[in-house]
Amino acid sequence: MEEKSEYLKKCYICESYADNLCFECVNYYCDTCYKLVHEKKKGSNHKKEQIDPYVPIDIKCSLHPKNPISLFCLEEKGN
């Protein structure tokens, strides 16, 4: 199987492979960078999902649980 590196999720900060998606920041982070960014009080209540950088993300809408999220509004924090 050929690796498609351009499709792999990378950390927003260090460009290594991502381990987490932060729903509040709307960014991917490796474990180390996630802890670094979110250890302060301002980001300590952010919600994250553990991800595999090789697997497509299938996050469901909280209002429409049968639908995957296709858009995300930063102002309203929803789709």
Protein backbone atom coordinates (compact mmCIF):
# COMPACT_ATOMS: atom_id res chain seq x y z
CA MET A 1 0.00 0.00 0.00
CA GLU A 2 1.44 3.34 -1.06
CA GLU A 3 1.66 5.95 1.68
CA LYS A 4 -0.04 9.23 0.79
CA SER A 5 1.85 11.56 3.14
CA GLU A 6 -0.05 14.64 1.98
CA TYR A 7 -3.23 13.13 3.48
CA LEU A 8 -1.74 12.35 6.88
CA LYS A 9 -2.74 14.65 9.71
CA LYS A 10 0.23 16.59 11.08
CA CYS A 11 0.69 18.55 14.27
CA TYR A 12 -0.17 22.24 13.91
CA ILE A 13 2.99 23.20 15.81
CA CYS A 14 5.82 20.76 15.14
CA GLU A 15 4.63 19.05 11.93
CA SER A 16 5.07 15.53 13.36
CA TYR A 17 2.13 13.15 12.99
CA ALA A 18 -0.92 14.25 14.97
CA ASP A 19 -2.41 12.27 17.85
CA ASN A 20 -5.25 14.63 18.80
CA LEU A 21 -7.83 16.95 17.31
CA CYS A 22 -8.80 19.87 19.56
CA PHE A 23 -12.42 20.85 18.92
CA GLU A 24 -11.97 24.32 20.42
CA CYS A 25 -8.75 25.23 18.61
CA VAL A 26 -9.80 23.34 15.47
CA ASN A 27 -6.23 22.10 15.09
CA TYR A 28 -4.39 18.78 15.10
CA TYR A 29 -1.63 18.26 17.69
CA CYS A 30 0.84 15.56 18.67
CA ASP A 31 0.57 14.55 22.35
CA THR A 32 3.54 16.68 23.39
CA CYS A 33 2.34 19.88 21.69
CA TYR A 34 -1.25 19.36 22.87
CA LYS A 35 -0.07 19.23 26.47
CA LEU A 36 2.18 22.25 25.96
CA VAL A 37 -0.61 24.37 24.46
CA HIS A 38 -3.40 23.20 26.76
CA GLU A 39 -1.66 23.03 30.15
CA LYS A 40 -2.53 26.66 30.82
CA LYS A 41 -5.88 27.55 32.36
CA LYS A 42 -7.14 29.12 29.12
CA GLY A 43 -7.03 25.82 27.20
CA SER A 44 -7.51 23.35 30.03
CA ASN A 45 -11.24 22.89 29.36
CA HIS A 46 -10.86 22.21 25.63
CA LYS A 47 -12.34 18.99 24.29
CA LYS A 48 -10.16 16.71 22.20
CA GLU A 49 -10.45 13.46 20.33
CA GLN A 50 -7.62 10.97 20.05
CA ILE A 51 -6.95 10.28 16.38
CA ASP A 52 -4.88 8.02 14.17
CA PRO A 53 -3.16 10.20 11.54
CA TYR A 54 -3.58 7.41 8.97
CA VAL A 55 -7.36 7.06 9.33
CA PRO A 56 -9.90 9.54 7.92
CA ILE A 57 -11.77 11.42 10.64
CA ASP A 58 -15.46 10.65 11.06
CA ILE A 59 -16.71 13.04 13.74
CA LYS A 60 -20.48 13.18 14.10
CA CYS A 61 -22.55 16.32 14.47
CA SER A 62 -23.92 16.76 18.01
CA LEU A 63 -27.23 18.09 16.62
CA HIS A 64 -27.49 15.50 13.83
CA PRO A 65 -25.69 12.36 15.10
CA LYS A 66 -26.23 10.41 11.88
CA ASN A 67 -24.25 13.02 9.90
CA PRO A 68 -20.48 13.48 9.91
CA ILE A 69 -19.25 17.03 10.40
CA SER A 70 -18.48 18.60 7.05
CA LEU A 71 -18.25 22.27 8.05
CA PHE A 72 -17.31 23.99 11.28
CA CYS A 73 -18.18 27.59 12.12
CA LEU A 74 -15.57 29.22 14.35
CA GLU A 75 -17.99 31.93 15.52
CA GLU A 76 -20.85 29.61 16.43
CA LYS A 77 -18.61 26.58 17.14
CA GLY A 78 -20.89 24.31 15.19
CA ASN A 79 -21.63 23.11 11.70
